[in-house]
Amino acid sequence: MKFSERIGIIKAKDTIQVDYIDDDLKNGLWNAVQVFYLDQVDSKYIDQSSYRDFFYVLWHNFFKLPLDEIDNWYGTTRLQIREWFFRWEWYEVYDFIEYITKIESNTSAEKFIIFCNELLEQELSGYRFINGIIAPITSESEIQEIDEAITNTTNDKLIGVKTHLENALKLIANRDSPDYRNSIKESISAVESISKVLSSGSKNSLGSALDKLKGKIEIHPALERGFKQIYGYTSDSDGIRHALMEESKSDFEDAKYMLVACSAFVNYLIVKADKSGLMNK
């Protein structure tokens, strides 16, 4: 067992589903296929159903199987698809649900996609339907950045930073009631916390802490300006934050972006501080 696992750190790679699909997500996607497609088949016999061409296209172009192997008794064919679905790897499931939206049928592909995207967000998938294509919105490198930042802040000196990052991840990961707005706040608070620690100014704001750090470690001016502006975005109640940080306007992508960006900056500051000897003071 890894050190981070022994001390109970929540890990992004176990939270955001990038290279796997858990049972809850797979069950939900199957239910979507069932409700929007399979339950709409209007005959016990495929050749008498309005979905006849749907199954023919599916068999010919997706499964690459002979058409005369389709069992005309719909119940048998449906069970066969179900057995395949629950044996598939995660990427094969995504192949399937993307492909069926391309087949002309009585099903509204648009409504199916909307339903699936809501499910993918709820179950913290790293993918979404975008312009009819399932595309990644989270990469392995982003997941690694978050986990690395949490692991890098396990010492007593940076425990507050770790707490903010873990809280940000937990607020995203709450599947029953995700709190993206406060997750964003926790992410930027992690940057503020590490800046205060390294600048030895517990009462400093992020901006003043970064100003004090400039003489101690080398921070790229563009990064410094960028995080000062992000801090303003999350903390100025009279400015842009009031419009963009409303709970109804903050979503998974916003919170995930902030967590990845702030984790990366925390890692950046730790490396810079370590090189300058600040971490040992």
C-alpha atoms as a PDB file:
ATOM      1  CA  MET A   1       0.000   0.000   0.000  1.00  0.00           C
ATOM      2  CA  LYS A   2       1.292   3.458  -0.932  1.00  0.00           C
ATOM      3  CA  PHE A   3       1.954   6.099   1.739  1.00  0.00           C
ATOM      4  CA  SER A   4      -0.867   8.283   0.384  1.00  0.00           C
ATOM      5  CA  GLU A   5      -3.264   5.341   0.624  1.00  0.00           C
ATOM      6  CA  ARG A   6      -2.205   4.504   4.190  1.00  0.00           C
ATOM      7  CA  ILE A   7      -3.008   7.994   5.440  1.00  0.00           C
ATOM      8  CA  GLY A   8      -6.352   8.053   3.670  1.00  0.00           C
ATOM      9  CA  ILE A   9      -5.809  10.713   1.009  1.00  0.00           C
ATOM     10  CA  ILE A  10      -8.614  10.977  -1.521  1.00  0.00           C
ATOM     11  CA  LYS A  11      -7.212  10.466  -5.014  1.00  0.00           C
ATOM     12  CA  ALA A  12      -8.420  12.016  -8.242  1.00  0.00           C
ATOM     13  CA  LYS A  13      -7.682   8.877 -10.245  1.00  0.00           C
ATOM     14  CA  ASP A  14     -10.185   6.991  -8.072  1.00  0.00           C
ATOM     15  CA  THR A  15     -12.732   9.794  -8.340  1.00  0.00           C
ATOM     16  CA  ILE A  16     -12.858  10.924 -11.977  1.00  0.00           C
ATOM     17  CA  GLN A  17     -13.452   8.008 -14.342  1.00  0.00           C
ATOM     18  CA  VAL A  18     -10.963   8.295 -17.177  1.00  0.00           C
ATOM     19  CA  ASP A  19      -9.753   4.796 -18.040  1.00  0.00           C
ATOM     20  CA  TYR A  20     -12.561   2.793 -16.494  1.00  0.00           C
ATOM     21  CA  ILE A  21     -16.327   2.733 -15.960  1.00  0.00           C
ATOM     22  CA  ASP A  22     -17.640   1.660 -12.567  1.00  0.00           C
ATOM     23  CA  ASP A  23     -20.794  -0.379 -12.086  1.00  0.00           C
ATOM     24  CA  ASP A  24     -22.991   2.640 -11.346  1.00  0.00           C
ATOM     25  CA  LEU A  25     -22.016   4.359 -14.598  1.00  0.00           C
ATOM     26  CA  LYS A  26     -22.256   1.207 -16.709  1.00  0.00           C
ATOM     27  CA  ASN A  27     -25.681   0.393 -15.260  1.00  0.00           C
ATOM     28  CA  GLY A  28     -26.835   3.943 -15.932  1.00  0.00           C
ATOM     29  CA  LEU A  29     -25.648   3.865 -19.542  1.00  0.00           C
ATOM     30  CA  TRP A  30     -27.369   0.529 -20.089  1.00  0.00           C
ATOM     31  CA  ASN A  31     -30.578   1.950 -18.653  1.00  0.00           C
ATOM     32  CA  ALA A  32     -30.313   4.827 -21.116  1.00  0.00           C
ATOM     33  CA  VAL A  33     -29.901   2.395 -24.025  1.00  0.00           C
ATOM     34  CA  GLN A  34     -32.848   0.389 -22.753  1.00  0.00           C
ATOM     35  CA  VAL A  35     -35.231   3.317 -22.237  1.00  0.00           C
ATOM     36  CA  PHE A  36     -34.396   5.306 -25.359  1.00  0.00           C
ATOM     37  CA  TYR A  37     -33.809   2.447 -27.806  1.00  0.00           C
ATOM     38  CA  LEU A  38     -34.616  -1.098 -26.784  1.00  0.00           C
ATOM     39  CA  ASP A  39     -37.906  -0.339 -25.035  1.00  0.00           C
ATOM     40  CA  GLN A  40     -39.079   1.436 -28.200  1.00  0.00           C
ATOM     41  CA  VAL A  41     -38.988  -1.690 -30.347  1.00  0.00           C
ATOM     42  CA  ASP A  42     -42.616  -2.198 -31.326  1.00  0.00           C
ATOM     43  CA  SER A  43     -42.772  -5.905 -32.241  1.00  0.00           C
ATOM     44  CA  LYS A  44     -41.732  -9.261 -30.866  1.00  0.00           C
ATOM     45  CA  TYR A  45     -40.212  -9.928 -34.278  1.00  0.00           C
ATOM     46  CA  ILE A  46     -37.359  -7.774 -35.552  1.00  0.00           C
ATOM     47  CA  ASP A  47     -38.335  -8.077 -39.197  1.00  0.00           C
ATOM     48  CA  GLN A  48     -41.787  -6.648 -38.343  1.00  0.00           C
ATOM     49  CA  SER A  49     -40.450  -3.837 -36.190  1.00  0.00           C
ATOM     50  CA  SER A  50     -39.848  -0.202 -37.110  1.00  0.00           C
ATOM     51  CA  TYR A  51     -36.354  -0.795 -35.678  1.00  0.00           C
ATOM     52  CA  ARG A  52     -35.522  -3.510 -38.234  1.00  0.00           C
ATOM     53  CA  ASP A  53     -33.067  -1.296 -40.111  1.00  0.00           C
ATOM     54  CA  PHE A  54     -31.542  -0.134 -36.826  1.00  0.00           C
ATOM     55  CA  PHE A  55     -30.563  -3.707 -35.934  1.00  0.00           C
ATOM     56  CA  TYR A  56     -29.375  -4.462 -39.462  1.00  0.00           C
ATOM     57  CA  VAL A  57     -27.077  -1.433 -39.477  1.00  0.00           C
ATOM     58  CA  LEU A  58     -25.857  -2.275 -35.980  1.00  0.00           C
ATOM     59  CA  TRP A  59     -25.084  -5.878 -36.946  1.00  0.00           C
ATOM     60  CA  HIS A  60     -23.460  -5.011 -40.263  1.00  0.00           C
ATOM     61  CA  ASN A  61     -21.421  -1.910 -39.386  1.00  0.00           C
ATOM     62  CA  PHE A  62     -20.770  -2.140 -35.656  1.00  0.00           C
ATOM     63  CA  PHE A  63     -20.773  -5.812 -34.672  1.00  0.00           C
ATOM     64  CA  LYS A  64     -19.473  -6.855 -38.148  1.00  0.00           C
ATOM     65  CA  LEU A  65     -21.561 -10.010 -38.017  1.00  0.00           C
ATOM     66  CA  PRO A  66     -23.647 -11.791 -40.680  1.00  0.00           C
ATOM     67  CA  LEU A  67     -27.187 -10.444 -40.829  1.00  0.00           C
ATOM     68  CA  ASP A  68     -28.624 -13.953 -40.878  1.00  0.00           C
ATOM     69  CA  GLU A  69     -27.207 -14.456 -37.376  1.00  0.00           C
ATOM     70  CA  ILE A  70     -29.679 -11.955 -35.939  1.00  0.00           C
ATOM     71  CA  ASP A  71     -32.311 -13.868 -34.015  1.00  0.00           C
ATOM     72  CA  ASN A  72     -35.635 -12.610 -35.324  1.00  0.00           C
ATOM     73  CA  TRP A  73     -37.181 -13.093 -31.878  1.00  0.00           C
ATOM     74  CA  TYR A  74     -36.535  -9.693 -30.354  1.00  0.00           C
ATOM     75  CA  GLY A  75     -36.246 -10.949 -26.776  1.00  0.00           C
ATOM     76  CA  THR A  76     -33.288 -13.154 -27.693  1.00  0.00           C
ATOM     77  CA  THR A  77     -31.496 -10.403 -29.616  1.00  0.00           C
ATOM     78  CA  ARG A  78     -32.021  -7.916 -26.824  1.00  0.00           C
ATOM     79  CA  LEU A  79     -30.557 -10.361 -24.290  1.00  0.00           C
ATOM     80  CA  GLN A  80     -27.571 -10.956 -26.558  1.00  0.00           C
ATOM     81  CA  ILE A  81     -26.813  -7.221 -26.770  1.00  0.00           C
ATOM     82  CA  ARG A  82     -27.152  -6.946 -23.014  1.00  0.00           C
ATOM     83  CA  GLU A  83     -24.668  -9.777 -22.428  1.00  0.00           C
ATOM     84  CA  TRP A  84     -22.164  -8.146 -24.767  1.00  0.00           C
ATOM     85  CA  PHE A  85     -22.653  -4.733 -23.169  1.00  0.00           C
ATOM     86  CA  PHE A  86     -21.804  -5.930 -19.658  1.00  0.00           C
ATOM     87  CA  ARG A  87     -18.747  -7.857 -20.894  1.00  0.00           C
ATOM     88  CA  TRP A  88     -17.286  -4.943 -22.823  1.00  0.00           C
ATOM     89  CA  GLU A  89     -14.332  -2.865 -21.707  1.00  0.00           C
ATOM     90  CA  TRP A  90     -15.062   0.763 -20.780  1.00  0.00           C
ATOM     91  CA  TYR A  91     -14.013   2.095 -24.191  1.00  0.00           C
ATOM     92  CA  GLU A  92     -16.203  -0.441 -26.016  1.00  0.00           C
ATOM     93  CA  VAL A  93     -19.224   0.800 -24.046  1.00  0.00           C
ATOM     94  CA  TYR A  94     -18.475   4.345 -25.209  1.00  0.00           C
ATOM     95  CA  ASP A  95     -17.998   3.062 -28.784  1.00  0.00           C
ATOM     96  CA  PHE A  96     -21.446   1.515 -28.650  1.00  0.00           C
ATOM     97  CA  ILE A  97     -23.425   4.401 -27.160  1.00  0.00           C
ATOM     98  CA  GLU A  98     -21.766   6.834 -29.572  1.00  0.00           C
ATOM     99  CA  TYR A  99     -22.464   4.625 -32.584  1.00  0.00           C
ATOM    100  CA  ILE A 100     -26.161   4.030 -31.946  1.00  0.00           C
ATOM    101  CA  THR A 101     -26.787   7.797 -32.013  1.00  0.00           C
ATOM    102  CA  LYS A 102     -25.616   7.748 -35.655  1.00  0.00           C
ATOM    103  CA  ILE A 103     -28.189   5.175 -36.749  1.00  0.00           C
ATOM    104  CA  GLU A 104     -31.452   6.567 -38.052  1.00  0.00           C
ATOM    105  CA  SER A 105     -34.360   5.384 -35.907  1.00  0.00           C
ATOM    106  CA  ASN A 106     -37.515   6.562 -34.143  1.00  0.00           C
ATOM    107  CA  THR A 107     -35.379   7.423 -31.100  1.00  0.00           C
ATOM    108  CA  SER A 108     -34.406  11.047 -30.532  1.00  0.00           C
ATOM    109  CA  ALA A 109     -30.627  10.872 -30.501  1.00  0.00           C
ATOM    110  CA  GLU A 110     -30.575  14.415 -29.124  1.00  0.00           C
ATOM    111  CA  LYS A 111     -32.586  13.451 -26.039  1.00  0.00           C
ATOM    112  CA  PHE A 112     -30.467  10.328 -25.566  1.00  0.00           C
ATOM    113  CA  ILE A 113     -27.273  12.420 -25.678  1.00  0.00           C
ATOM    114  CA  ILE A 114     -28.646  14.954 -23.189  1.00  0.00           C
ATOM    115  CA  PHE A 115     -29.581  12.146 -20.807  1.00  0.00           C
ATOM    116  CA  CYS A 116     -26.171  10.494 -21.184  1.00  0.00           C
ATOM    117  CA  ASN A 117     -24.290  13.747 -20.604  1.00  0.00           C
ATOM    118  CA  GLU A 118     -26.222  14.376 -17.400  1.00  0.00           C
ATOM    119  CA  LEU A 119     -25.380  10.842 -16.282  1.00  0.00           C
ATOM    120  CA  LEU A 120     -21.703  11.178 -17.258  1.00  0.00           C
ATOM    121  CA  GLU A 121     -21.446  14.364 -15.199  1.00  0.00           C
ATOM    122  CA  GLN A 122     -23.279  12.857 -12.231  1.00  0.00           C
ATOM    123  CA  GLU A 123     -21.028   9.800 -12.190  1.00  0.00           C
ATOM    124  CA  LEU A 124     -17.832  11.856 -12.695  1.00  0.00           C
ATOM    125  CA  SER A 125     -16.873  10.460 -16.063  1.00  0.00           C
ATOM    126  CA  GLY A 126     -13.959  12.113 -17.810  1.00  0.00           C
ATOM    127  CA  TYR A 127     -15.942  12.111 -21.079  1.00  0.00           C
ATOM    128  CA  ARG A 128     -18.933  13.888 -22.616  1.00  0.00           C
ATOM    129  CA  PHE A 129     -20.845  13.914 -25.886  1.00  0.00           C
ATOM    130  CA  ILE A 130     -19.576  16.994 -27.739  1.00  0.00           C
ATOM    131  CA  ASN A 131     -21.086  17.646 -31.175  1.00  0.00           C
ATOM    132  CA  GLY A 132     -22.268  14.042 -31.288  1.00  0.00           C
ATOM    133  CA  ILE A 133     -18.834  12.600 -30.468  1.00  0.00           C
ATOM    134  CA  ILE A 134     -17.721  11.242 -27.105  1.00  0.00           C
ATOM    135  CA  ALA A 135     -14.660  13.318 -26.255  1.00  0.00           C
ATOM    136  CA  PRO A 136     -12.372  13.485 -23.216  1.00  0.00           C
ATOM    137  CA  ILE A 137     -12.759  16.458 -20.899  1.00  0.00           C
ATOM    138  CA  THR A 138     -10.186  15.106 -18.425  1.00  0.00           C
ATOM    139  CA  SER A 139      -6.770  13.608 -19.210  1.00  0.00           C
ATOM    140  CA  GLU A 140      -4.477  11.267 -17.303  1.00  0.00           C
ATOM    141  CA  SER A 141      -1.955  14.092 -16.937  1.00  0.00           C
ATOM    142  CA  GLU A 142      -4.598  16.283 -15.247  1.00  0.00           C
ATOM    143  CA  ILE A 143      -5.468  13.493 -12.829  1.00  0.00           C
ATOM    144  CA  GLN A 144      -1.785  12.986 -12.079  1.00  0.00           C
ATOM    145  CA  GLU A 145      -1.335  16.710 -11.413  1.00  0.00           C
ATOM    146  CA  ILE A 146      -4.078  16.699  -8.767  1.00  0.00           C
ATOM    147  CA  ASP A 147      -2.844  13.535  -7.063  1.00  0.00           C
ATOM    148  CA  GLU A 148       0.743  14.789  -7.103  1.00  0.00           C
ATOM    149  CA  ALA A 149      -0.261  18.076  -5.464  1.00  0.00           C
ATOM    150  CA  ILE A 150      -2.145  16.280  -2.683  1.00  0.00           C
ATOM    151  CA  THR A 151       0.768  13.896  -2.100  1.00  0.00           C
ATOM    152  CA  ASN A 152       3.331  16.736  -2.154  1.00  0.00           C
ATOM    153  CA  THR A 153       1.537  18.594   0.641  1.00  0.00           C
ATOM    154  CA  THR A 154       1.352  15.833   3.252  1.00  0.00           C
ATOM    155  CA  ASN A 155       3.972  17.358   5.575  1.00  0.00           C
ATOM    156  CA  ASP A 156       2.904  19.439   8.563  1.00  0.00           C
ATOM    157  CA  LYS A 157       4.104  22.677   6.993  1.00  0.00           C
ATOM    158  CA  LEU A 158       1.681  22.358   4.070  1.00  0.00           C
ATOM    159  CA  ILE A 159      -1.188  20.508   5.768  1.00  0.00           C
ATOM    160  CA  GLY A 160      -3.545  23.426   5.128  1.00  0.00           C
ATOM    161  CA  VAL A 161      -2.793  23.277   1.406  1.00  0.00           C
ATOM    162  CA  LYS A 162      -3.548  19.551   1.351  1.00  0.00           C
ATOM    163  CA  THR A 163      -6.803  20.122   3.215  1.00  0.00           C
ATOM    164  CA  HIS A 164      -7.984  22.699   0.671  1.00  0.00           C
ATOM    165  CA  LEU A 165      -7.111  20.436  -2.260  1.00  0.00           C
ATOM    166  CA  GLU A 166      -8.826  17.430  -0.691  1.00  0.00           C
ATOM    167  CA  ASN A 167     -11.898  19.524   0.072  1.00  0.00           C
ATOM    168  CA  ALA A 168     -12.008  20.774  -3.519  1.00  0.00           C
ATOM    169  CA  LEU A 169     -11.881  17.192  -4.796  1.00  0.00           C
ATOM    170  CA  LYS A 170     -14.455  15.952  -2.283  1.00  0.00           C
ATOM    171  CA  LEU A 171     -16.889  18.738  -3.246  1.00  0.00           C
ATOM    172  CA  ILE A 172     -16.633  17.694  -6.890  1.00  0.00           C
ATOM    173  CA  ALA A 173     -16.888  14.020  -5.969  1.00  0.00           C
ATOM    174  CA  ASN A 174     -20.129  14.317  -4.003  1.00  0.00           C
ATOM    175  CA  ARG A 175     -22.401  12.558  -6.479  1.00  0.00           C
ATOM    176  CA  ASP A 176     -25.571  13.308  -4.561  1.00  0.00           C
ATOM    177  CA  SER A 177     -24.930  17.025  -4.177  1.00  0.00           C
ATOM    178  CA  PRO A 178     -21.758  18.300  -5.900  1.00  0.00           C
ATOM    179  CA  ASP A 179     -20.749  21.812  -4.837  1.00  0.00           C
ATOM    180  CA  TYR A 180     -18.782  23.225  -7.752  1.00  0.00           C
ATOM    181  CA  ARG A 181     -18.858  26.799  -6.485  1.00  0.00           C
ATOM    182  CA  ASN A 182     -17.173  25.991  -3.189  1.00  0.00           C
ATOM    183  CA  SER A 183     -14.832  23.522  -4.865  1.00  0.00           C
ATOM    184  CA  ILE A 184     -13.496  26.431  -6.925  1.00  0.00           C
ATOM    185  CA  LYS A 185     -13.019  28.447  -3.740  1.00  0.00           C
ATOM    186  CA  GLU A 186     -11.137  25.594  -2.072  1.00  0.00           C
ATOM    187  CA  SER A 187      -8.847  25.212  -5.090  1.00  0.00           C
ATOM    188  CA  ILE A 188      -7.754  28.843  -5.132  1.00  0.00           C
ATOM    189  CA  SER A 189      -7.498  28.767  -1.326  1.00  0.00           C
ATOM    190  CA  ALA A 190      -4.874  26.025  -1.705  1.00  0.00           C
ATOM    191  CA  VAL A 191      -2.760  28.390  -3.822  1.00  0.00           C
ATOM    192  CA  GLU A 192      -3.296  31.198  -1.326  1.00  0.00           C
ATOM    193  CA  SER A 193      -2.338  28.897   1.542  1.00  0.00           C
ATOM    194  CA  ILE A 194       0.946  27.724   0.041  1.00  0.00           C
ATOM    195  CA  SER A 195       1.833  31.283  -0.971  1.00  0.00           C
ATOM    196  CA  LYS A 196       1.314  32.446   2.614  1.00  0.00           C
ATOM    197  CA  VAL A 197       3.437  29.610   3.990  1.00  0.00           C
ATOM    198  CA  LEU A 198       6.313  30.249   1.603  1.00  0.00           C
ATOM    199  CA  SER A 199       6.191  34.031   2.071  1.00  0.00           C
ATOM    200  CA  SER A 200       5.927  33.681   5.881  1.00  0.00           C
ATOM    201  CA  GLY A 201       2.923  35.986   5.924  1.00  0.00           C
ATOM    202  CA  SER A 202      -0.169  34.380   7.381  1.00  0.00           C
ATOM    203  CA  LYS A 203      -2.204  37.568   6.968  1.00  0.00           C
ATOM    204  CA  ASN A 204      -1.205  38.187   3.355  1.00  0.00           C
ATOM    205  CA  SER A 205      -3.670  37.926   0.507  1.00  0.00           C
ATOM    206  CA  LEU A 206      -2.638  35.819  -2.452  1.00  0.00           C
ATOM    207  CA  GLY A 207      -1.522  38.910  -4.347  1.00  0.00           C
ATOM    208  CA  SER A 208       0.697  40.281  -1.587  1.00  0.00           C
ATOM    209  CA  ALA A 209       2.069  36.809  -0.787  1.00  0.00           C
ATOM    210  CA  LEU A 210       3.118  36.325  -4.407  1.00  0.00           C
ATOM    211  CA  ASP A 211       4.697  39.789  -4.384  1.00  0.00           C
ATOM    212  CA  LYS A 212       6.807  38.810  -1.363  1.00  0.00           C
ATOM    213  CA  LEU A 213       7.796  35.533  -2.992  1.00  0.00           C
ATOM    214  CA  LYS A 214       9.219  37.252  -6.057  1.00  0.00           C
ATOM    215  CA  GLY A 215      12.398  38.123  -4.196  1.00  0.00           C
ATOM    216  CA  LYS A 216      12.796  34.603  -2.851  1.00  0.00           C
ATOM    217  CA  ILE A 217      11.929  32.343  -5.770  1.00  0.00           C
ATOM    218  CA  GLU A 218      11.672  32.870  -9.494  1.00  0.00           C
ATOM    219  CA  ILE A 219       8.043  32.951 -10.605  1.00  0.00           C
ATOM    220  CA  HIS A 220       7.234  33.555 -14.243  1.00  0.00           C
ATOM    221  CA  PRO A 221       5.491  36.953 -14.498  1.00  0.00           C
ATOM    222  CA  ALA A 222       2.696  35.546 -16.683  1.00  0.00           C
ATOM    223  CA  LEU A 223       1.888  32.872 -14.102  1.00  0.00           C
ATOM    224  CA  GLU A 224       1.934  35.423 -11.312  1.00  0.00           C
ATOM    225  CA  ARG A 225      -0.421  37.748 -13.177  1.00  0.00           C
ATOM    226  CA  GLY A 226      -2.660  34.860 -14.144  1.00  0.00           C
ATOM    227  CA  PHE A 227      -3.201  33.638 -10.608  1.00  0.00           C
ATOM    228  CA  LYS A 228      -3.728  37.129  -9.276  1.00  0.00           C
ATOM    229  CA  GLN A 229      -6.500  37.520 -11.854  1.00  0.00           C
ATOM    230  CA  ILE A 230      -7.957  34.100 -10.984  1.00  0.00           C
ATOM    231  CA  TYR A 231      -7.922  35.088  -7.330  1.00  0.00           C
ATOM    232  CA  GLY A 232      -9.819  38.229  -8.202  1.00  0.00           C
ATOM    233  CA  TYR A 233     -12.313  36.144 -10.164  1.00  0.00           C
ATOM    234  CA  THR A 234     -13.042  33.968  -7.126  1.00  0.00           C
ATOM    235  CA  SER A 235     -12.987  36.588  -4.383  1.00  0.00           C
ATOM    236  CA  ASP A 236     -14.290  39.909  -5.745  1.00  0.00           C
ATOM    237  CA  SER A 237     -17.938  39.927  -4.643  1.00  0.00           C
ATOM    238  CA  ASP A 238     -18.597  43.171  -6.509  1.00  0.00           C
ATOM    239  CA  GLY A 239     -16.966  42.132  -9.750  1.00  0.00           C
ATOM    240  CA  ILE A 240     -16.808  39.192 -12.122  1.00  0.00           C
ATOM    241  CA  ARG A 241     -17.176  36.581  -9.349  1.00  0.00           C
ATOM    242  CA  HIS A 242     -20.721  37.675  -8.594  1.00  0.00           C
ATOM    243  CA  ALA A 243     -21.806  36.778 -12.122  1.00  0.00           C
ATOM    244  CA  LEU A 244     -19.691  33.694 -12.753  1.00  0.00           C
ATOM    245  CA  MET A 245     -19.498  32.106  -9.343  1.00  0.00           C
ATOM    246  CA  GLU A 246     -23.219  31.751  -8.849  1.00  0.00           C
ATOM    247  CA  GLU A 247     -23.898  28.113  -8.127  1.00  0.00           C
ATOM    248  CA  SER A 248     -26.158  27.681 -11.158  1.00  0.00           C
ATOM    249  CA  LYS A 249     -23.395  28.918 -13.477  1.00  0.00           C
ATOM    250  CA  SER A 250     -20.536  26.809 -12.086  1.00  0.00           C
ATOM    251  CA  ASP A 251     -20.329  23.258 -13.392  1.00  0.00           C
ATOM    252  CA  PHE A 252     -18.032  20.242 -13.322  1.00  0.00           C
ATOM    253  CA  GLU A 253     -15.800  21.598 -16.064  1.00  0.00           C
ATOM    254  CA  ASP A 254     -15.283  24.900 -14.215  1.00  0.00           C
ATOM    255  CA  ALA A 255     -14.449  23.186 -10.923  1.00  0.00           C
ATOM    256  CA  LYS A 256     -12.238  20.580 -12.583  1.00  0.00           C
ATOM    257  CA  TYR A 257     -10.295  23.235 -14.490  1.00  0.00           C
ATOM    258  CA  MET A 258      -9.677  25.239 -11.326  1.00  0.00           C
ATOM    259  CA  LEU A 259      -8.590  22.153  -9.377  1.00  0.00           C
ATOM    260  CA  VAL A 260      -6.160  21.093 -12.113  1.00  0.00           C
ATOM    261  CA  ALA A 261      -4.786  24.619 -12.600  1.00  0.00           C
ATOM    262  CA  CYS A 262      -4.367  25.263  -8.873  1.00  0.00           C
ATOM    263  CA  SER A 263      -2.835  21.823  -8.301  1.00  0.00           C
ATOM    264  CA  ALA A 264      -0.338  22.488 -11.075  1.00  0.00           C
ATOM    265  CA  PHE A 265       0.578  25.866  -9.555  1.00  0.00           C
ATOM    266  CA  VAL A 266       0.985  24.302  -6.103  1.00  0.00           C
ATOM    267  CA  ASN A 267       3.359  21.719  -7.605  1.00  0.00           C
ATOM    268  CA  TYR A 268       5.194  24.496  -9.445  1.00  0.00           C
ATOM    269  CA  LEU A 269       5.674  26.556  -6.255  1.00  0.00           C
ATOM    270  CA  ILE A 270       6.852  23.506  -4.294  1.00  0.00           C
ATOM    271  CA  VAL A 271       9.524  22.715  -6.884  1.00  0.00           C
ATOM    272  CA  LYS A 272      10.641  26.352  -7.064  1.00  0.00           C
ATOM    273  CA  ALA A 273      10.695  26.684  -3.267  1.00  0.00           C
ATOM    274  CA  ASP A 274      12.614  23.448  -2.901  1.00  0.00           C
ATOM    275  CA  LYS A 275      15.271  24.661  -5.340  1.00  0.00           C
ATOM    276  CA  SER A 276      15.649  27.938  -3.437  1.00  0.00           C
ATOM    277  CA  GLY A 277      15.774  26.229  -0.039  1.00  0.00           C
ATOM    278  CA  LEU A 278      12.505  27.743   1.215  1.00  0.00           C
ATOM    279  CA  MET A 279      11.003  24.341   1.957  1.00  0.00           C
ATOM    280  CA  ASN A 280      13.677  23.691   4.585  1.00  0.00           C
ATOM    281  CA  LYS A 281      13.118  26.934   6.502  1.00  0.00           C
END
